[in-house]
Protein backbone atom coordinates (compact mmCIF):
# COMPACT_ATOMS: atom_id res chain seq x y z
CA MET A 1 0.00 0.00 0.00
CA TYR A 2 1.23 3.47 -0.91
CA LEU A 3 0.18 6.66 0.89
CA ILE A 4 0.14 9.94 -1.02
CA VAL A 5 -0.15 12.92 1.27
CA ASP A 6 -0.63 16.64 0.67
CA SER A 7 -0.32 18.62 3.89
CA GLY A 8 -0.88 22.28 4.58
CA SER A 9 -1.03 23.99 7.93
CA THR A 10 -4.81 23.69 8.15
CA LYS A 11 -5.55 20.22 6.78
CA THR A 12 -3.86 17.14 5.38
CA ASP A 13 -5.29 14.97 2.59
CA TRP A 14 -4.31 11.29 2.50
CA PHE A 15 -4.90 8.83 -0.35
CA ALA A 16 -4.01 5.14 -0.18
CA ILE A 17 -3.42 3.30 -3.45
CA ASP A 18 -2.25 -0.21 -4.30
CA GLU A 19 0.60 -1.13 -6.65
CA ARG A 20 -1.74 -0.89 -9.64
CA GLY A 21 -2.85 2.63 -8.75
CA THR A 22 -6.30 1.70 -7.47
CA VAL A 23 -7.50 4.00 -4.70
CA LEU A 24 -8.09 1.97 -1.54
CA PHE A 25 -9.28 4.79 0.71
CA SER A 26 -8.93 8.50 1.30
CA THR A 27 -9.05 10.43 4.54
CA GLN A 28 -8.18 13.75 6.11
CA THR A 29 -6.43 14.94 9.25
CA LEU A 30 -5.56 18.32 10.65
CA GLY A 31 -2.47 20.02 9.20
CA LEU A 32 0.98 18.56 9.85
CA ASN A 33 3.33 21.52 9.62
CA PRO A 34 6.52 20.57 11.53
CA GLN A 35 7.60 24.21 11.76
CA VAL A 36 4.78 25.07 14.15
CA LEU A 37 3.85 21.70 15.71
CA SER A 38 5.70 19.47 18.16
CA SER A 39 6.44 15.82 17.38
CA ALA A 40 3.86 14.79 19.98
CA ILE A 41 1.09 16.76 18.26
CA LEU A 42 2.12 15.49 14.82
CA THR A 43 1.95 11.92 16.09
CA GLU A 44 -1.39 12.45 17.80
CA ARG A 45 -3.00 13.87 14.67
CA ILE A 46 -1.98 10.83 12.66
CA ILE A 47 -2.72 7.97 15.06
CA ASN A 48 -6.10 9.45 16.01
CA ASN A 49 -7.25 8.80 12.44
CA TYR A 50 -8.92 5.38 12.29
CA ASP A 51 -8.03 4.53 8.67
CA LEU A 52 -4.37 5.44 9.07
CA TYR A 53 -3.90 3.67 12.38
CA GLN A 54 -5.65 0.48 11.27
CA ASN A 55 -3.58 0.28 8.07
CA ARG A 56 -0.25 1.51 9.41
CA ASP A 57 1.47 -1.89 9.05
CA LYS A 58 0.30 -2.29 5.44
CA VAL A 59 1.98 0.87 4.16
CA THR A 60 5.19 0.22 2.20
CA LYS A 61 5.78 3.67 0.66
CA LEU A 62 4.75 7.12 1.83
CA PHE A 63 5.01 10.20 -0.38
CA PHE A 64 4.59 13.28 1.80
CA TYR A 65 4.37 16.83 0.46
CA GLY A 66 4.08 19.28 3.30
CA ALA A 67 4.16 22.91 4.36
CA GLY A 68 7.15 23.52 6.60
CA CYS A 69 9.27 20.78 5.02
CA GLY A 70 11.66 23.08 3.17
CA ILE A 71 14.53 22.77 5.65
CA GLU A 72 16.45 19.77 6.96
CA SER A 73 15.52 20.08 10.63
CA THR A 74 11.76 19.99 10.07
CA THR A 75 12.05 17.23 7.48
CA LYS A 76 13.96 15.11 9.98
CA ARG A 77 11.37 15.78 12.68
CA ILE A 78 8.40 14.61 10.66
CA SER A 79 10.39 11.73 9.16
CA LYS A 80 11.06 10.44 12.69
CA VAL A 81 7.34 10.68 13.47
CA PHE A 82 6.51 8.63 10.38
CA GLU A 83 9.17 6.03 11.17
CA GLU A 84 7.61 5.37 14.57
CA ILE A 85 4.10 4.91 13.11
CA PHE A 86 4.64 3.32 9.69
CA THR A 87 7.34 0.82 10.67
CA LYS A 88 7.43 -1.15 7.40
CA CYS A 89 7.63 1.84 5.11
CA SER A 90 10.06 3.95 3.07
CA PHE A 91 9.52 7.71 2.92
CA THR A 92 9.80 10.48 0.37
CA ILE A 93 9.34 13.87 2.02
CA LYS A 94 9.24 17.10 0.03
CA GLU A 95 7.87 20.56 0.67
CA ASP A 96 4.39 21.38 -0.57
CA THR A 97 5.67 23.37 -3.56
CA TYR A 98 6.38 20.05 -5.31
CA ALA A 99 2.77 18.95 -4.85
CA ALA A 100 1.64 22.28 -6.29
CA VAL A 101 3.84 21.78 -9.34
CA TYR A 102 2.74 18.19 -9.93
CA ALA A 103 -0.91 19.25 -9.57
CA SER A 104 -0.91 22.28 -11.86
CA ALA A 105 2.01 22.35 -14.31
CA ALA A 106 2.48 20.48 -17.56
CA ILE A 107 5.62 18.38 -17.98
CA GLY A 108 8.00 20.04 -20.45
CA VAL A 109 6.40 23.47 -20.16
CA PRO A 110 8.24 26.08 -18.06
CA SER A 111 6.03 27.91 -15.58
CA ILE A 112 5.87 29.57 -12.20
CA VAL A 113 3.79 27.81 -9.56
CA CYS A 114 2.40 29.64 -6.54
CA ILE A 115 0.70 28.49 -3.36
CA LEU A 116 -1.88 30.84 -1.86
CA GLY A 117 -3.57 28.99 0.99
CA THR A 118 -3.03 29.22 4.73
CA GLY A 119 0.53 30.20 3.80
CA SER A 120 2.11 31.26 0.52
CA ASN A 121 5.09 30.29 -1.57
CA CYS A 122 6.39 30.38 -5.11
CA SER A 123 8.70 28.22 -7.22
CA TYR A 124 9.93 27.95 -10.79
CA PHE A 125 9.34 24.81 -12.83
CA ASP A 126 11.63 24.54 -15.86
CA GLY A 127 9.48 21.80 -17.34
CA HIS A 128 11.35 19.02 -15.56
CA LYS A 129 12.80 20.28 -12.27
CA VAL A 130 11.57 22.56 -9.48
CA HIS A 131 13.72 25.52 -8.52
CA GLN A 132 13.19 27.33 -5.23
CA TYR A 133 14.77 30.79 -5.19
CA ILE A 134 13.32 32.01 -1.90
CA THR A 135 13.53 30.13 1.37
CA SER A 136 10.30 30.60 3.29
CA LEU A 137 10.74 32.00 6.80
CA GLY A 138 7.14 31.30 7.74
CA TYR A 139 4.06 33.28 8.62
CA ILE A 140 5.70 36.04 10.68
CA LEU A 141 8.13 37.32 8.05
CA MET A 142 6.65 36.08 4.77
CA ASP A 143 3.44 34.41 3.52
CA GLU A 144 2.14 37.50 1.76
CA ALA A 145 -1.34 37.24 0.18
CA SER A 146 -1.98 34.06 2.17
CA GLY A 147 -4.87 33.31 4.50
CA ASN A 148 -2.81 34.07 7.58
CA PHE A 149 -1.46 37.29 6.00
CA TYR A 150 -4.97 38.58 5.32
CA GLY A 151 -6.17 37.44 8.75
CA LYS A 152 -3.41 39.52 10.29
CA GLN A 153 -4.41 42.55 8.22
CA LEU A 154 -8.04 42.19 9.26
CA ILE A 155 -7.22 42.08 12.96
CA ARG A 156 -4.83 45.02 12.64
CA GLY A 157 -7.43 46.99 10.68
CA TYR A 158 -10.02 46.28 13.36
CA TYR A 159 -7.80 47.23 16.29
CA PHE A 160 -6.35 50.33 14.59
CA ASN A 161 -9.90 51.50 13.77
CA GLU A 162 -9.15 51.49 10.05
CA MET A 163 -11.92 49.02 9.22
CA PRO A 164 -15.22 50.77 8.36
CA LYS A 165 -17.67 50.66 11.25
CA TYR A 166 -20.29 48.60 9.39
CA LEU A 167 -17.68 45.94 8.64
CA ALA A 168 -16.19 46.08 12.13
CA GLU A 169 -19.61 45.40 13.64
CA LYS A 170 -20.08 42.34 11.43
CA PHE A 171 -16.53 41.21 12.14
CA GLU A 172 -16.91 41.31 15.91
CA SER A 173 -20.29 39.57 15.71
CA GLU A 174 -18.69 36.56 13.99
CA PHE A 175 -15.45 36.24 15.97
CA ASP A 176 -14.24 36.60 19.53
CA LEU A 177 -11.89 39.53 19.05
CA SER A 178 -11.07 40.20 22.68
CA ALA A 179 -7.39 40.96 23.22
CA ASN A 180 -7.00 38.01 25.60
CA THR A 181 -8.41 35.55 23.06
CA VAL A 182 -6.33 36.88 20.18
CA LYS A 183 -3.09 36.87 22.18
CA GLU A 184 -3.79 33.43 23.64
CA ASN A 185 -4.18 31.97 20.15
CA LEU A 186 -1.19 33.80 18.70
CA TYR A 187 1.35 33.38 21.45
CA ARG A 188 0.37 30.36 23.54
CA LYS A 189 -1.45 27.86 21.34
CA GLU A 190 -0.20 25.76 18.44
CA ASN A 191 -0.87 26.72 14.81
CA PRO A 192 -1.08 30.52 15.13
CA ASN A 193 -0.88 30.73 11.34
CA THR A 194 -3.99 28.57 11.00
CA TYR A 195 -5.77 30.69 13.60
CA LEU A 196 -5.04 33.84 11.59
CA ALA A 197 -6.15 32.21 8.34
CA ARG A 198 -9.63 31.56 9.74
CA PHE A 199 -10.36 35.29 9.57
CA ALA A 200 -9.66 35.38 5.82
CA LYS A 201 -13.06 33.79 5.20
CA PHE A 202 -14.64 37.03 6.38
CA MET A 203 -12.64 38.95 3.79
CA ILE A 204 -13.67 36.54 1.03
CA VAL A 205 -17.38 36.78 1.92
CA HIS A 206 -17.14 40.59 1.79
CA LYS A 207 -14.54 40.76 -0.96
CA ASP A 208 -16.56 43.17 -3.12
CA ASP A 209 -16.42 45.84 -0.42
CA PRO A 210 -13.95 48.64 -1.32
CA TYR A 211 -12.06 48.23 1.96
CA MET A 212 -11.56 44.52 1.26
CA GLN A 213 -10.66 45.13 -2.38
CA THR A 214 -7.87 47.46 -1.31
CA MET A 215 -6.57 44.91 1.20
CA ILE A 216 -6.70 42.06 -1.32
CA HIS A 217 -4.98 44.02 -4.07
CA GLU A 218 -2.21 45.32 -1.80
CA GLY A 219 -1.46 41.80 -0.56
CA LEU A 220 -1.31 40.41 -4.10
CA ARG A 221 0.96 43.24 -5.26
CA ARG A 222 3.36 42.51 -2.40
CA PHE A 223 3.38 38.82 -3.31
CA ILE A 224 4.13 39.62 -6.94
CA ARG A 225 6.93 42.07 -6.15
CA HIS A 226 8.59 39.88 -3.53
CA GLN A 227 8.01 36.42 -5.01
CA LEU A 228 7.19 36.41 -8.73
CA PHE A 229 9.75 39.01 -9.69
CA GLN A 230 12.53 36.86 -8.28
CA PHE A 231 12.30 35.15 -11.68
CA ASN A 232 13.70 37.10 -14.63
CA ASN A 233 11.30 35.47 -17.08
CA ALA A 234 8.14 35.96 -15.00
CA LYS A 235 6.45 37.79 -17.88
CA ASP A 236 7.26 35.03 -20.35
CA VAL A 237 5.70 31.98 -18.69
CA PRO A 238 2.25 31.06 -17.35
CA ILE A 239 1.74 31.45 -13.61
CA HIS A 240 -0.24 28.69 -11.90
CA PHE A 241 -1.88 28.92 -8.50
CA VAL A 242 -2.80 26.30 -5.92
CA GLY A 243 -4.78 26.83 -2.71
CA SER A 244 -8.07 28.12 -1.39
CA ILE A 245 -7.13 31.80 -1.33
CA SER A 246 -6.21 31.84 -5.01
CA TYR A 247 -9.31 29.78 -5.82
CA PHE A 248 -11.78 32.09 -4.09
CA LEU A 249 -9.95 35.24 -5.21
CA LYS A 250 -9.32 34.08 -8.77
CA ASP A 251 -10.76 37.23 -10.37
CA GLU A 252 -8.69 39.48 -8.14
CA VAL A 253 -5.53 37.46 -8.80
CA GLU A 254 -6.04 37.68 -12.56
CA LEU A 255 -6.70 41.42 -12.36
CA ILE A 256 -3.48 42.18 -10.47
CA LEU A 257 -1.45 39.85 -12.69
CA LYS A 258 -2.60 41.85 -15.71
CA GLU A 259 -1.55 45.02 -13.92
CA PHE A 260 2.01 43.66 -13.95
CA ASP A 261 1.76 42.16 -17.49
CA LEU A 262 1.79 38.62 -16.12
CA THR A 263 -0.12 35.63 -17.52
CA MET A 264 -2.57 33.61 -15.45
CA GLY A 265 -2.27 29.85 -15.78
CA THR A 266 -4.39 27.23 -14.03
CA VAL A 267 -5.94 27.58 -10.58
CA VAL A 268 -6.27 24.45 -8.44
CA LYS A 269 -8.14 24.54 -5.15
CA ARG A 270 -7.27 21.04 -3.94
CA PRO A 271 -4.04 19.58 -5.34
CA ILE A 272 -4.39 16.06 -3.92
CA ASP A 273 -6.55 14.75 -6.79
CA GLN A 274 -4.00 15.69 -9.45
CA LEU A 275 -1.17 14.58 -7.17
CA VAL A 276 -2.66 11.08 -6.98
CA LYS A 277 -2.94 10.98 -10.79
CA TYR A 278 0.72 11.97 -11.03
CA HIS A 279 1.78 9.04 -8.85
CA VAL A 280 -0.57 6.61 -10.58
CA ASN A 281 1.05 7.58 -13.90
CA LEU A 282 4.49 6.88 -12.41
CA LEU A 283 3.33 3.44 -11.27
CA GLU A 284 1.95 2.66 -14.72
CA LYS A 285 5.29 3.58 -16.31
CA GLU A 286 7.14 1.35 -13.85
CA MET A 287 4.89 -1.59 -14.76
CA GLN A 288 5.42 -1.19 -18.51
């Protein structure tokens, strides 16, 4: 049994397939980002899933694509967690940018692939290999135009009294915005980036409001300047997007790309389906 896993900070999609590529089961756990979660929490989130725990001894290969797996220390941490659970298994662990590429880009066609979900990232695909020019430093210093970035802007706008009163009243009616609650979630609990990203739903629901439009556009411009323009040929290749933020803000993304003379490629909300197809194709080639 092979496990194919796409993990963000908010959720993790798991698909089990056999050696012929037949899907045996699929399931979902909470996010498994080793940059913001301890080994104990990572382990708990996996073994508390019935399907994974019951089939743990049947897994022979695990392909894991995860947020927070771009550096050696975090890769080692989650690899150790897997080794203790899936004891008869070999592991391939890559950061989530590879899943985004395999889910959205065409083999042989150069492109830029972006993730806009709970976090954000960007990589260049030369048609065969993935090139990462920027090392992500996480939600505090980077992640522009992501769910947690926009959540942060919403809370700041609310507390600095920049948010229009009619929006602020709706905002506080939907969320507990007390200082104690916000600080508790940001500085004492796990997954502060996921906590911030929850607020982005409010922005999406009210995205046609001028205040929200300004916020959305400014975030996207920052992402383009800091991420896309790291690549000298950004204006010459299609730019693909993966993640819920890019999916629900597709029109806004396309508008700002045009502002910078950039070309919109495909937009994929949930990469796991295409990721499974990618691995099934590899299995079929191995069997030929």
